[in-house]
Amino acid sequence: MKKKNIAVSAAAVSAAGFLLLSGCGGTDGAVVRVGSKDFTEGLLVSEIYALALEDAGYKVERNMNIAGSVVHTAITSDEFDLYPEYTGTALLSVLQMEMNSDPDVVYDTVKAAYDEQFDLTWLDSTQVNNRNGLAIRTELAQEYGIYTMSDLQAAADKIKVCSQGEFEYREDGLPGLAKVYGEFDFASINLYDSGLKYEILANAEADVCPAYATDAQLVDKDRFTFLEDDKKFWPPYYMAPVVRNDLLGEQPEIAEVLNRVSASLDTETMISLNAKVDIDKQEYEDVAKEFYDSIRR
């Protein structure tokens, strides 16, 4: 992606850069209202942004745990000032535009549309791409050499699929995949509760399941492998902070604070953070603080 999507890991962020943010002047105790969606990843990243803003001298009001179906309406209704959103969600669900697999095109499209239609700014993107995809048992991936969607299509007759009921019918599921990769002649497709899908894979009751690229369980690469979408069927879901323009007009320094944090976040980092909450059962506030402290030192 272009420079706005800064491809660095947390380890690459300079300590000096974060120290410059600490206690920076000019905030006048301004209040920033930070929102989040109602799932682990959204809560984590919003809390990390909130901590960075507090470190920079802002007062933060947290408006966490907002349903994804109303979060866009909430920010446009001035209920809060910023939250992390995904480019794919903005393109398909909010703007209801056609699917596109080019990350830069999608980012530029949603950035321009949000500014024009909603008076909102998309700041620099993280390198967290929480796209749709499929996870496979690593043992089976190694046995048959299945690491991409093309590999899966070629070996589909050996594969048992764990479905949650929509994969076989939605255009962004099996029907769409077949148009791009060819027909998938799976050995079987059985329906399971989505909350059990990784348990189903771990028990070898199925081999492949629909997944998201930052699922916490993907931290265990010896058990689960997220397949590469080598023909770019699914749209990108890069995360970035969306901020009200009136706030940025009053406090332009906020952009630098958030952009520096975003530069520290990538997909692998997000998997690890999600795992600490969803698998290790740590509080998301504690995980966020530990991570923020690690990138500001």
C-alpha atoms as a PDB file:
ATOM      1  CA  MET A   1       0.000   0.000   0.000  1.00  0.00           C
ATOM      2  CA  LYS A   2       0.980   3.640  -0.241  1.00  0.00           C
ATOM      3  CA  LYS A   3       2.806   5.532   2.457  1.00  0.00           C
ATOM      4  CA  LYS A   4      -0.440   6.285   4.287  1.00  0.00           C
ATOM      5  CA  ASN A   5      -0.535   2.569   5.175  1.00  0.00           C
ATOM      6  CA  ILE A   6       2.733   2.390   7.037  1.00  0.00           C
ATOM      7  CA  ALA A   7       4.117  -1.140   6.834  1.00  0.00           C
ATOM      8  CA  VAL A   8       6.002  -1.420  10.096  1.00  0.00           C
ATOM      9  CA  SER A   9       5.624  -3.607  13.152  1.00  0.00           C
ATOM     10  CA  ALA A  10       5.434  -2.466  16.747  1.00  0.00           C
ATOM     11  CA  ALA A  11       9.112  -3.252  17.195  1.00  0.00           C
ATOM     12  CA  ALA A  12      10.017  -0.834  14.418  1.00  0.00           C
ATOM     13  CA  VAL A  13       8.375   2.214  15.976  1.00  0.00           C
ATOM     14  CA  SER A  14      11.036   4.526  17.385  1.00  0.00           C
ATOM     15  CA  ALA A  15      10.905   5.149  21.090  1.00  0.00           C
ATOM     16  CA  ALA A  16      11.930   8.729  20.488  1.00  0.00           C
ATOM     17  CA  GLY A  17       8.872   9.359  18.350  1.00  0.00           C
ATOM     18  CA  PHE A  18       6.508   8.255  21.072  1.00  0.00           C
ATOM     19  CA  LEU A  19       8.310  10.143  23.772  1.00  0.00           C
ATOM     20  CA  LEU A  20       7.730  13.324  21.781  1.00  0.00           C
ATOM     21  CA  LEU A  21       3.992  12.756  22.148  1.00  0.00           C
ATOM     22  CA  SER A  22       4.039  12.508  25.914  1.00  0.00           C
ATOM     23  CA  GLY A  23       2.628  15.628  27.516  1.00  0.00           C
ATOM     24  CA  CYS A  24       2.837  17.668  24.314  1.00  0.00           C
ATOM     25  CA  GLY A  25       1.530  21.195  24.697  1.00  0.00           C
ATOM     26  CA  GLY A  26      -1.357  22.978  23.033  1.00  0.00           C
ATOM     27  CA  THR A  27      -4.167  20.652  24.074  1.00  0.00           C
ATOM     28  CA  ASP A  28      -5.625  23.046  26.670  1.00  0.00           C
ATOM     29  CA  GLY A  29      -7.191  20.060  28.387  1.00  0.00           C
ATOM     30  CA  ALA A  30      -9.417  19.441  25.380  1.00  0.00           C
ATOM     31  CA  VAL A  31     -11.855  16.541  25.687  1.00  0.00           C
ATOM     32  CA  VAL A  32     -11.760  13.803  23.031  1.00  0.00           C
ATOM     33  CA  ARG A  33     -14.581  11.276  22.906  1.00  0.00           C
ATOM     34  CA  VAL A  34     -13.292   7.877  21.776  1.00  0.00           C
ATOM     35  CA  GLY A  35     -15.741   5.242  20.596  1.00  0.00           C
ATOM     36  CA  SER A  36     -15.366   1.564  19.763  1.00  0.00           C
ATOM     37  CA  LYS A  37     -17.260  -1.310  18.240  1.00  0.00           C
ATOM     38  CA  ASP A  38     -18.508  -4.105  20.466  1.00  0.00           C
ATOM     39  CA  PHE A  39     -15.852  -6.779  19.961  1.00  0.00           C
ATOM     40  CA  THR A  40     -12.385  -7.438  21.297  1.00  0.00           C
ATOM     41  CA  GLU A  41     -10.348  -5.914  18.482  1.00  0.00           C
ATOM     42  CA  GLY A  42     -12.340  -2.707  18.380  1.00  0.00           C
ATOM     43  CA  LEU A  43     -12.161  -2.315  22.160  1.00  0.00           C
ATOM     44  CA  LEU A  44      -8.408  -2.932  22.205  1.00  0.00           C
ATOM     45  CA  VAL A  45      -7.482  -0.469  19.487  1.00  0.00           C
ATOM     46  CA  SER A  46      -9.816   2.238  20.772  1.00  0.00           C
ATOM     47  CA  GLU A  47      -8.294   1.892  24.234  1.00  0.00           C
ATOM     48  CA  ILE A  48      -4.774   2.143  22.782  1.00  0.00           C
ATOM     49  CA  TYR A  49      -5.759   5.335  20.958  1.00  0.00           C
ATOM     50  CA  ALA A  50      -7.336   6.665  24.162  1.00  0.00           C
ATOM     51  CA  LEU A  51      -4.158   6.014  26.153  1.00  0.00           C
ATOM     52  CA  ALA A  52      -2.051   7.794  23.535  1.00  0.00           C
ATOM     53  CA  LEU A  53      -4.353  10.805  23.600  1.00  0.00           C
ATOM     54  CA  GLU A  54      -4.233  10.975  27.389  1.00  0.00           C
ATOM     55  CA  ASP A  55      -0.457  10.702  27.226  1.00  0.00           C
ATOM     56  CA  ALA A  56      -0.465  13.678  24.860  1.00  0.00           C
ATOM     57  CA  GLY A  57      -2.416  15.799  27.337  1.00  0.00           C
ATOM     58  CA  TYR A  58      -6.003  15.309  26.223  1.00  0.00           C
ATOM     59  CA  LYS A  59      -8.914  14.401  28.462  1.00  0.00           C
ATOM     60  CA  VAL A  60     -10.616  11.307  27.077  1.00  0.00           C
ATOM     61  CA  GLU A  61     -14.216  10.218  27.386  1.00  0.00           C
ATOM     62  CA  ARG A  62     -14.659   6.561  26.475  1.00  0.00           C
ATOM     63  CA  ASN A  63     -17.802   5.523  24.609  1.00  0.00           C
ATOM     64  CA  MET A  64     -17.008   1.857  24.151  1.00  0.00           C
ATOM     65  CA  ASN A  65     -18.884  -1.226  23.068  1.00  0.00           C
ATOM     66  CA  ILE A  66     -21.159   0.263  20.404  1.00  0.00           C
ATOM     67  CA  ALA A  67     -22.932  -2.133  18.064  1.00  0.00           C
ATOM     68  CA  GLY A  68     -21.457  -2.189  14.590  1.00  0.00           C
ATOM     69  CA  SER A  69     -24.888  -1.567  13.084  1.00  0.00           C
ATOM     70  CA  VAL A  70     -25.167   1.875  14.710  1.00  0.00           C
ATOM     71  CA  VAL A  71     -21.578   3.038  15.195  1.00  0.00           C
ATOM     72  CA  HIS A  72     -21.466   5.027  11.949  1.00  0.00           C
ATOM     73  CA  THR A  73     -24.732   6.772  12.759  1.00  0.00           C
ATOM     74  CA  ALA A  74     -23.420   7.534  16.239  1.00  0.00           C
ATOM     75  CA  ILE A  75     -20.280   9.324  15.060  1.00  0.00           C
ATOM     76  CA  THR A  76     -22.127  11.274  12.371  1.00  0.00           C
ATOM     77  CA  SER A  77     -24.662  12.286  15.042  1.00  0.00           C
ATOM     78  CA  ASP A  78     -21.827  13.748  17.141  1.00  0.00           C
ATOM     79  CA  GLU A  79     -22.123  11.169  19.915  1.00  0.00           C
ATOM     80  CA  PHE A  80     -18.341  10.718  19.891  1.00  0.00           C
ATOM     81  CA  ASP A  81     -15.326  11.976  17.945  1.00  0.00           C
ATOM     82  CA  LEU A  82     -13.383   8.996  16.642  1.00  0.00           C
ATOM     83  CA  TYR A  83     -13.212   5.222  16.422  1.00  0.00           C
ATOM     84  CA  PRO A  84     -11.348   2.569  14.400  1.00  0.00           C
ATOM     85  CA  GLU A  85     -13.136   1.366  11.272  1.00  0.00           C
ATOM     86  CA  TYR A  86     -12.310  -1.024   8.419  1.00  0.00           C
ATOM     87  CA  THR A  87     -11.962   0.024   4.797  1.00  0.00           C
ATOM     88  CA  GLY A  88     -13.995  -2.935   3.547  1.00  0.00           C
ATOM     89  CA  THR A  89     -16.826  -2.199   5.957  1.00  0.00           C
ATOM     90  CA  ALA A  90     -16.888   1.433   4.892  1.00  0.00           C
ATOM     91  CA  LEU A  91     -16.877   0.563   1.200  1.00  0.00           C
ATOM     92  CA  LEU A  92     -19.477  -2.211   1.235  1.00  0.00           C
ATOM     93  CA  SER A  93     -21.704  -1.629   4.270  1.00  0.00           C
ATOM     94  CA  VAL A  94     -21.678   2.148   4.745  1.00  0.00           C
ATOM     95  CA  LEU A  95     -21.148   3.483   1.219  1.00  0.00           C
ATOM     96  CA  GLN A  96     -22.681   0.402  -0.444  1.00  0.00           C
ATOM     97  CA  MET A  97     -20.232   0.538  -3.315  1.00  0.00           C
ATOM     98  CA  GLU A  98     -19.010  -2.330  -5.454  1.00  0.00           C
ATOM     99  CA  MET A  99     -16.405  -4.704  -4.071  1.00  0.00           C
ATOM    100  CA  ASN A 100     -12.789  -3.879  -4.922  1.00  0.00           C
ATOM    101  CA  SER A 101      -9.677  -5.817  -3.924  1.00  0.00           C
ATOM    102  CA  ASP A 102      -7.067  -3.055  -4.338  1.00  0.00           C
ATOM    103  CA  PRO A 103      -6.163  -1.733  -0.850  1.00  0.00           C
ATOM    104  CA  ASP A 104      -5.081   1.712  -2.052  1.00  0.00           C
ATOM    105  CA  VAL A 105      -8.124   2.201  -4.264  1.00  0.00           C
ATOM    106  CA  VAL A 106     -10.445   1.200  -1.428  1.00  0.00           C
ATOM    107  CA  TYR A 107      -8.683   3.481   1.070  1.00  0.00           C
ATOM    108  CA  ASP A 108      -8.688   6.454  -1.300  1.00  0.00           C
ATOM    109  CA  THR A 109     -12.345   5.849  -2.180  1.00  0.00           C
ATOM    110  CA  VAL A 110     -13.617   5.696   1.391  1.00  0.00           C
ATOM    111  CA  LYS A 111     -11.389   8.573   2.499  1.00  0.00           C
ATOM    112  CA  ALA A 112     -12.763  10.887  -0.186  1.00  0.00           C
ATOM    113  CA  ALA A 113     -16.381   9.775   0.277  1.00  0.00           C
ATOM    114  CA  TYR A 114     -16.351  10.093   4.068  1.00  0.00           C
ATOM    115  CA  ASP A 115     -14.892  13.592   3.882  1.00  0.00           C
ATOM    116  CA  GLU A 116     -17.446  14.716   1.310  1.00  0.00           C
ATOM    117  CA  GLN A 117     -20.544  12.959   2.634  1.00  0.00           C
ATOM    118  CA  PHE A 118     -20.026  12.749   6.390  1.00  0.00           C
ATOM    119  CA  ASP A 119     -17.425  15.396   7.291  1.00  0.00           C
ATOM    120  CA  LEU A 120     -15.168  12.648   8.625  1.00  0.00           C
ATOM    121  CA  THR A 121     -11.460  12.037   8.030  1.00  0.00           C
ATOM    122  CA  TRP A 122      -9.743   8.702   7.594  1.00  0.00           C
ATOM    123  CA  LEU A 123      -6.283   9.076   9.130  1.00  0.00           C
ATOM    124  CA  ASP A 124      -3.324   6.851   8.232  1.00  0.00           C
ATOM    125  CA  SER A 125      -4.165   3.176   7.979  1.00  0.00           C
ATOM    126  CA  THR A 126      -2.754   0.531  10.255  1.00  0.00           C
ATOM    127  CA  GLN A 127      -1.408  -2.628   8.657  1.00  0.00           C
ATOM    128  CA  VAL A 128      -4.168  -4.635  10.365  1.00  0.00           C
ATOM    129  CA  ASN A 129      -6.114  -6.295   7.554  1.00  0.00           C
ATOM    130  CA  ASN A 130      -8.967  -8.208   9.175  1.00  0.00           C
ATOM    131  CA  ARG A 131     -10.251  -9.637   5.910  1.00  0.00           C
ATOM    132  CA  ASN A 132     -12.515 -12.582   5.325  1.00  0.00           C
ATOM    133  CA  GLY A 133     -10.908 -15.901   4.538  1.00  0.00           C
ATOM    134  CA  LEU A 134     -10.541 -19.539   5.432  1.00  0.00           C
ATOM    135  CA  ALA A 135      -8.524 -21.215   8.170  1.00  0.00           C
ATOM    136  CA  ILE A 136      -7.246 -24.768   7.755  1.00  0.00           C
ATOM    137  CA  ARG A 137      -5.762 -27.299  10.134  1.00  0.00           C
ATOM    138  CA  THR A 138      -2.006 -26.776   9.839  1.00  0.00           C
ATOM    139  CA  GLU A 139      -1.395 -30.513   9.940  1.00  0.00           C
ATOM    140  CA  LEU A 140      -3.538 -30.952   6.840  1.00  0.00           C
ATOM    141  CA  ALA A 141      -2.055 -27.898   5.132  1.00  0.00           C
ATOM    142  CA  GLN A 142       1.386 -29.439   5.513  1.00  0.00           C
ATOM    143  CA  GLU A 143       0.218 -32.872   4.392  1.00  0.00           C
ATOM    144  CA  TYR A 144      -1.321 -31.652   1.140  1.00  0.00           C
ATOM    145  CA  GLY A 145       0.643 -28.437   0.582  1.00  0.00           C
ATOM    146  CA  ILE A 146      -2.395 -26.182   1.006  1.00  0.00           C
ATOM    147  CA  TYR A 147      -1.355 -22.606   1.765  1.00  0.00           C
ATOM    148  CA  THR A 148      -3.401 -20.598  -0.747  1.00  0.00           C
ATOM    149  CA  MET A 149      -6.970 -20.606  -1.987  1.00  0.00           C
ATOM    150  CA  SER A 150      -5.713 -22.023  -5.279  1.00  0.00           C
ATOM    151  CA  ASP A 151      -4.100 -24.904  -3.385  1.00  0.00           C
ATOM    152  CA  LEU A 152      -7.388 -25.491  -1.576  1.00  0.00           C
ATOM    153  CA  GLN A 153      -9.378 -25.562  -4.811  1.00  0.00           C
ATOM    154  CA  ALA A 154      -7.030 -28.158  -6.279  1.00  0.00           C
ATOM    155  CA  ALA A 155      -7.329 -30.425  -3.205  1.00  0.00           C
ATOM    156  CA  ALA A 156     -10.975 -29.682  -2.352  1.00  0.00           C
ATOM    157  CA  ASP A 157     -12.119 -33.303  -2.709  1.00  0.00           C
ATOM    158  CA  LYS A 158      -9.998 -34.179   0.337  1.00  0.00           C
ATOM    159  CA  ILE A 159     -11.373 -31.383   2.524  1.00  0.00           C
ATOM    160  CA  LYS A 160     -14.242 -31.300   5.045  1.00  0.00           C
ATOM    161  CA  VAL A 161     -15.680 -27.818   5.550  1.00  0.00           C
ATOM    162  CA  CYS A 162     -17.050 -26.422   8.806  1.00  0.00           C
ATOM    163  CA  SER A 163     -19.728 -23.898   7.758  1.00  0.00           C
ATOM    164  CA  GLN A 164     -21.823 -21.466   9.764  1.00  0.00           C
ATOM    165  CA  GLY A 165     -24.700 -21.556   7.282  1.00  0.00           C
ATOM    166  CA  GLU A 166     -23.920 -18.658   4.935  1.00  0.00           C
ATOM    167  CA  PHE A 167     -20.618 -19.680   3.349  1.00  0.00           C
ATOM    168  CA  GLU A 168     -22.330 -21.865   0.739  1.00  0.00           C
ATOM    169  CA  TYR A 169     -24.786 -19.199  -0.408  1.00  0.00           C
ATOM    170  CA  ARG A 170     -23.386 -15.683  -0.061  1.00  0.00           C
ATOM    171  CA  GLU A 171     -21.721 -14.035  -3.011  1.00  0.00           C
ATOM    172  CA  ASP A 172     -18.694 -13.303  -0.805  1.00  0.00           C
ATOM    173  CA  GLY A 173     -18.592 -17.006   0.106  1.00  0.00           C
ATOM    174  CA  LEU A 174     -18.397 -20.164  -1.969  1.00  0.00           C
ATOM    175  CA  PRO A 175     -20.345 -18.920  -5.034  1.00  0.00           C
ATOM    176  CA  GLY A 176     -18.032 -15.939  -5.440  1.00  0.00           C
ATOM    177  CA  LEU A 177     -14.933 -17.998  -4.767  1.00  0.00           C
ATOM    178  CA  ALA A 178     -15.934 -20.476  -7.465  1.00  0.00           C
ATOM    179  CA  LYS A 179     -16.148 -17.679 -10.038  1.00  0.00           C
ATOM    180  CA  VAL A 180     -12.566 -16.643  -9.289  1.00  0.00           C
ATOM    181  CA  TYR A 181     -10.845 -19.942  -8.446  1.00  0.00           C
ATOM    182  CA  GLY A 182     -13.051 -22.555 -10.111  1.00  0.00           C
ATOM    183  CA  GLU A 183     -15.490 -24.968  -8.496  1.00  0.00           C
ATOM    184  CA  PHE A 184     -14.628 -26.335  -5.055  1.00  0.00           C
ATOM    185  CA  ASP A 185     -15.667 -29.993  -4.976  1.00  0.00           C
ATOM    186  CA  PHE A 186     -15.390 -30.392  -1.192  1.00  0.00           C
ATOM    187  CA  ALA A 187     -15.663 -33.835   0.391  1.00  0.00           C
ATOM    188  CA  SER A 188     -18.346 -32.474   2.738  1.00  0.00           C
ATOM    189  CA  ILE A 189     -19.816 -29.247   4.103  1.00  0.00           C
ATOM    190  CA  ASN A 190     -21.434 -29.447   7.530  1.00  0.00           C
ATOM    191  CA  LEU A 191     -23.049 -26.768   9.666  1.00  0.00           C
ATOM    192  CA  TYR A 192     -21.605 -25.904  13.098  1.00  0.00           C
ATOM    193  CA  ASP A 193     -22.045 -23.073  15.569  1.00  0.00           C
ATOM    194  CA  SER A 194     -19.572 -20.277  14.731  1.00  0.00           C
ATOM    195  CA  GLY A 195     -18.314 -20.151  18.317  1.00  0.00           C
ATOM    196  CA  LEU A 196     -17.163 -23.755  18.057  1.00  0.00           C
ATOM    197  CA  LYS A 197     -15.413 -23.627  14.706  1.00  0.00           C
ATOM    198  CA  TYR A 198     -11.827 -23.714  15.978  1.00  0.00           C
ATOM    199  CA  GLU A 199     -12.710 -26.473  18.425  1.00  0.00           C
ATOM    200  CA  ILE A 200     -14.179 -28.407  15.494  1.00  0.00           C
ATOM    201  CA  LEU A 201     -10.944 -27.960  13.569  1.00  0.00           C
ATOM    202  CA  ALA A 202      -8.792 -28.847  16.560  1.00  0.00           C
ATOM    203  CA  ASN A 203     -10.736 -32.097  16.973  1.00  0.00           C
ATOM    204  CA  ALA A 204     -10.354 -32.865  13.242  1.00  0.00           C
ATOM    205  CA  GLU A 205     -14.126 -33.036  12.823  1.00  0.00           C
ATOM    206  CA  ALA A 206     -13.594 -30.649   9.917  1.00  0.00           C
ATOM    207  CA  ASP A 207     -10.569 -29.331   8.061  1.00  0.00           C
ATOM    208  CA  VAL A 208     -11.435 -25.790   6.952  1.00  0.00           C
ATOM    209  CA  CYS A 209     -13.677 -23.043   8.316  1.00  0.00           C
ATOM    210  CA  PRO A 210     -14.568 -19.451   7.405  1.00  0.00           C
ATOM    211  CA  ALA A 211     -12.415 -17.124   9.462  1.00  0.00           C
ATOM    212  CA  TYR A 212     -11.135 -13.598   9.887  1.00  0.00           C
ATOM    213  CA  ALA A 213      -7.464 -12.784   9.464  1.00  0.00           C
ATOM    214  CA  THR A 214      -7.021 -11.521  13.039  1.00  0.00           C
ATOM    215  CA  ASP A 215      -8.896 -14.282  14.865  1.00  0.00           C
ATOM    216  CA  ALA A 216      -7.228 -14.896  18.223  1.00  0.00           C
ATOM    217  CA  GLN A 217      -6.910 -18.646  17.598  1.00  0.00           C
ATOM    218  CA  LEU A 218      -4.595 -17.986  14.649  1.00  0.00           C
ATOM    219  CA  VAL A 219      -1.888 -17.194  17.177  1.00  0.00           C
ATOM    220  CA  ASP A 220      -1.361 -20.983  17.317  1.00  0.00           C
ATOM    221  CA  LYS A 221       0.234 -21.541  13.923  1.00  0.00           C
ATOM    222  CA  ASP A 222       1.042 -25.157  14.749  1.00  0.00           C
ATOM    223  CA  ARG A 223      -2.690 -25.873  14.741  1.00  0.00           C
ATOM    224  CA  PHE A 224      -4.253 -23.331  12.389  1.00  0.00           C
ATOM    225  CA  THR A 225      -3.186 -21.673   9.144  1.00  0.00           C
ATOM    226  CA  PHE A 226      -4.964 -18.760   7.475  1.00  0.00           C
ATOM    227  CA  LEU A 227      -4.976 -19.313   3.741  1.00  0.00           C
ATOM    228  CA  GLU A 228      -3.615 -16.720   1.344  1.00  0.00           C
ATOM    229  CA  ASP A 229      -6.202 -15.239  -0.995  1.00  0.00           C
ATOM    230  CA  ASP A 230      -3.762 -15.423  -3.903  1.00  0.00           C
ATOM    231  CA  LYS A 231      -6.224 -14.169  -6.545  1.00  0.00           C
ATOM    232  CA  LYS A 232      -7.461 -11.331  -4.315  1.00  0.00           C
ATOM    233  CA  PHE A 233     -11.116 -12.322  -4.188  1.00  0.00           C
ATOM    234  CA  TRP A 234     -11.973 -10.747  -0.831  1.00  0.00           C
ATOM    235  CA  PRO A 235     -11.797  -6.972  -0.362  1.00  0.00           C
ATOM    236  CA  PRO A 236      -9.267  -5.521   2.072  1.00  0.00           C
ATOM    237  CA  TYR A 237     -10.394  -4.708   5.597  1.00  0.00           C
ATOM    238  CA  TYR A 238      -7.615  -2.414   6.779  1.00  0.00           C
ATOM    239  CA  MET A 239      -8.265  -0.676  10.068  1.00  0.00           C
ATOM    240  CA  ALA A 240      -7.798   3.068  10.508  1.00  0.00           C
ATOM    241  CA  PRO A 241      -9.083   5.773  12.846  1.00  0.00           C
ATOM    242  CA  VAL A 242     -12.050   7.758  11.550  1.00  0.00           C
ATOM    243  CA  VAL A 243     -12.236  11.233  13.104  1.00  0.00           C
ATOM    244  CA  ARG A 244     -14.746  14.074  12.991  1.00  0.00           C
ATOM    245  CA  ASN A 245     -13.428  17.003  10.967  1.00  0.00           C
ATOM    246  CA  ASP A 246     -14.582  19.552  13.522  1.00  0.00           C
ATOM    247  CA  LEU A 247     -12.319  17.965  16.130  1.00  0.00           C
ATOM    248  CA  LEU A 248      -9.318  17.924  13.781  1.00  0.00           C
ATOM    249  CA  GLY A 249      -9.974  21.563  12.941  1.00  0.00           C
ATOM    250  CA  GLU A 250      -9.743  22.472  16.617  1.00  0.00           C
ATOM    251  CA  GLN A 251      -7.012  19.977  17.563  1.00  0.00           C
ATOM    252  CA  PRO A 252      -4.946  19.110  14.462  1.00  0.00           C
ATOM    253  CA  GLU A 253      -2.221  17.510  16.597  1.00  0.00           C
ATOM    254  CA  ILE A 254      -4.543  14.587  17.214  1.00  0.00           C
ATOM    255  CA  ALA A 255      -3.761  13.273  13.734  1.00  0.00           C
ATOM    256  CA  GLU A 256      -0.075  12.858  14.597  1.00  0.00           C
ATOM    257  CA  VAL A 257      -0.868  11.151  17.906  1.00  0.00           C
ATOM    258  CA  LEU A 258      -3.134   8.581  16.276  1.00  0.00           C
ATOM    259  CA  ASN A 259      -0.987   8.075  13.182  1.00  0.00           C
ATOM    260  CA  ARG A 260       2.007   7.155  15.324  1.00  0.00           C
ATOM    261  CA  VAL A 261      -0.034   4.532  17.140  1.00  0.00           C
ATOM    262  CA  SER A 262      -1.457   3.171  13.887  1.00  0.00           C
ATOM    263  CA  ALA A 263       2.066   2.705  12.543  1.00  0.00           C
ATOM    264  CA  SER A 264       2.689   0.170  15.311  1.00  0.00           C
ATOM    265  CA  LEU A 265      -0.250  -2.091  14.484  1.00  0.00           C
ATOM    266  CA  ASP A 266      -0.198  -4.918  11.962  1.00  0.00           C
ATOM    267  CA  THR A 267      -2.124  -8.144  11.499  1.00  0.00           C
ATOM    268  CA  GLU A 268       0.244 -10.380  13.473  1.00  0.00           C
ATOM    269  CA  THR A 269       0.365  -7.908  16.347  1.00  0.00           C
ATOM    270  CA  MET A 270      -3.430  -7.771  16.389  1.00  0.00           C
ATOM    271  CA  ILE A 271      -3.742 -11.560  16.484  1.00  0.00           C
ATOM    272  CA  SER A 272      -1.447 -11.612  19.509  1.00  0.00           C
ATOM    273  CA  LEU A 273      -3.372  -8.872  21.323  1.00  0.00           C
ATOM    274  CA  ASN A 274      -6.726 -10.512  20.579  1.00  0.00           C
ATOM    275  CA  ALA A 275      -5.393 -13.818  21.884  1.00  0.00           C
ATOM    276  CA  LYS A 276      -4.440 -12.281  25.223  1.00  0.00           C
ATOM    277  CA  VAL A 277      -8.051 -11.246  25.716  1.00  0.00           C
ATOM    278  CA  ASP A 278     -10.034 -14.006  24.028  1.00  0.00           C
ATOM    279  CA  ILE A 279      -7.829 -16.986  24.924  1.00  0.00           C
ATOM    280  CA  ASP A 280      -5.800 -15.919  27.971  1.00  0.00           C
ATOM    281  CA  LYS A 281      -8.819 -14.065  29.402  1.00  0.00           C
ATOM    282  CA  GLN A 282      -6.967 -10.883  30.291  1.00  0.00           C
ATOM    283  CA  GLU A 283      -8.916  -7.617  30.525  1.00  0.00           C
ATOM    284  CA  TYR A 284      -8.711  -5.636  27.305  1.00  0.00           C
ATOM    285  CA  GLU A 285      -7.759  -2.476  29.205  1.00  0.00           C
ATOM    286  CA  ASP A 286      -4.735  -4.245  30.706  1.00  0.00           C
ATOM    287  CA  VAL A 287      -3.659  -5.666  27.350  1.00  0.00           C
ATOM    288  CA  ALA A 288      -4.012  -2.268  25.691  1.00  0.00           C
ATOM    289  CA  LYS A 289      -1.956  -0.554  28.388  1.00  0.00           C
ATOM    290  CA  GLU A 290       0.782  -3.174  28.236  1.00  0.00           C
ATOM    291  CA  PHE A 291       1.000  -2.754  24.484  1.00  0.00           C
ATOM    292  CA  TYR A 292       0.944   1.049  24.592  1.00  0.00           C
ATOM    293  CA  ASP A 293       3.654   1.095  27.252  1.00  0.00           C
ATOM    294  CA  SER A 294       5.786  -1.164  25.024  1.00  0.00           C
ATOM    295  CA  ILE A 295       5.612   1.163  22.019  1.00  0.00           C
ATOM    296  CA  ARG A 296       6.162   4.424  23.880  1.00  0.00           C
ATOM    297  CA  ARG A 297       9.308   3.314  25.699  1.00  0.00           C
END
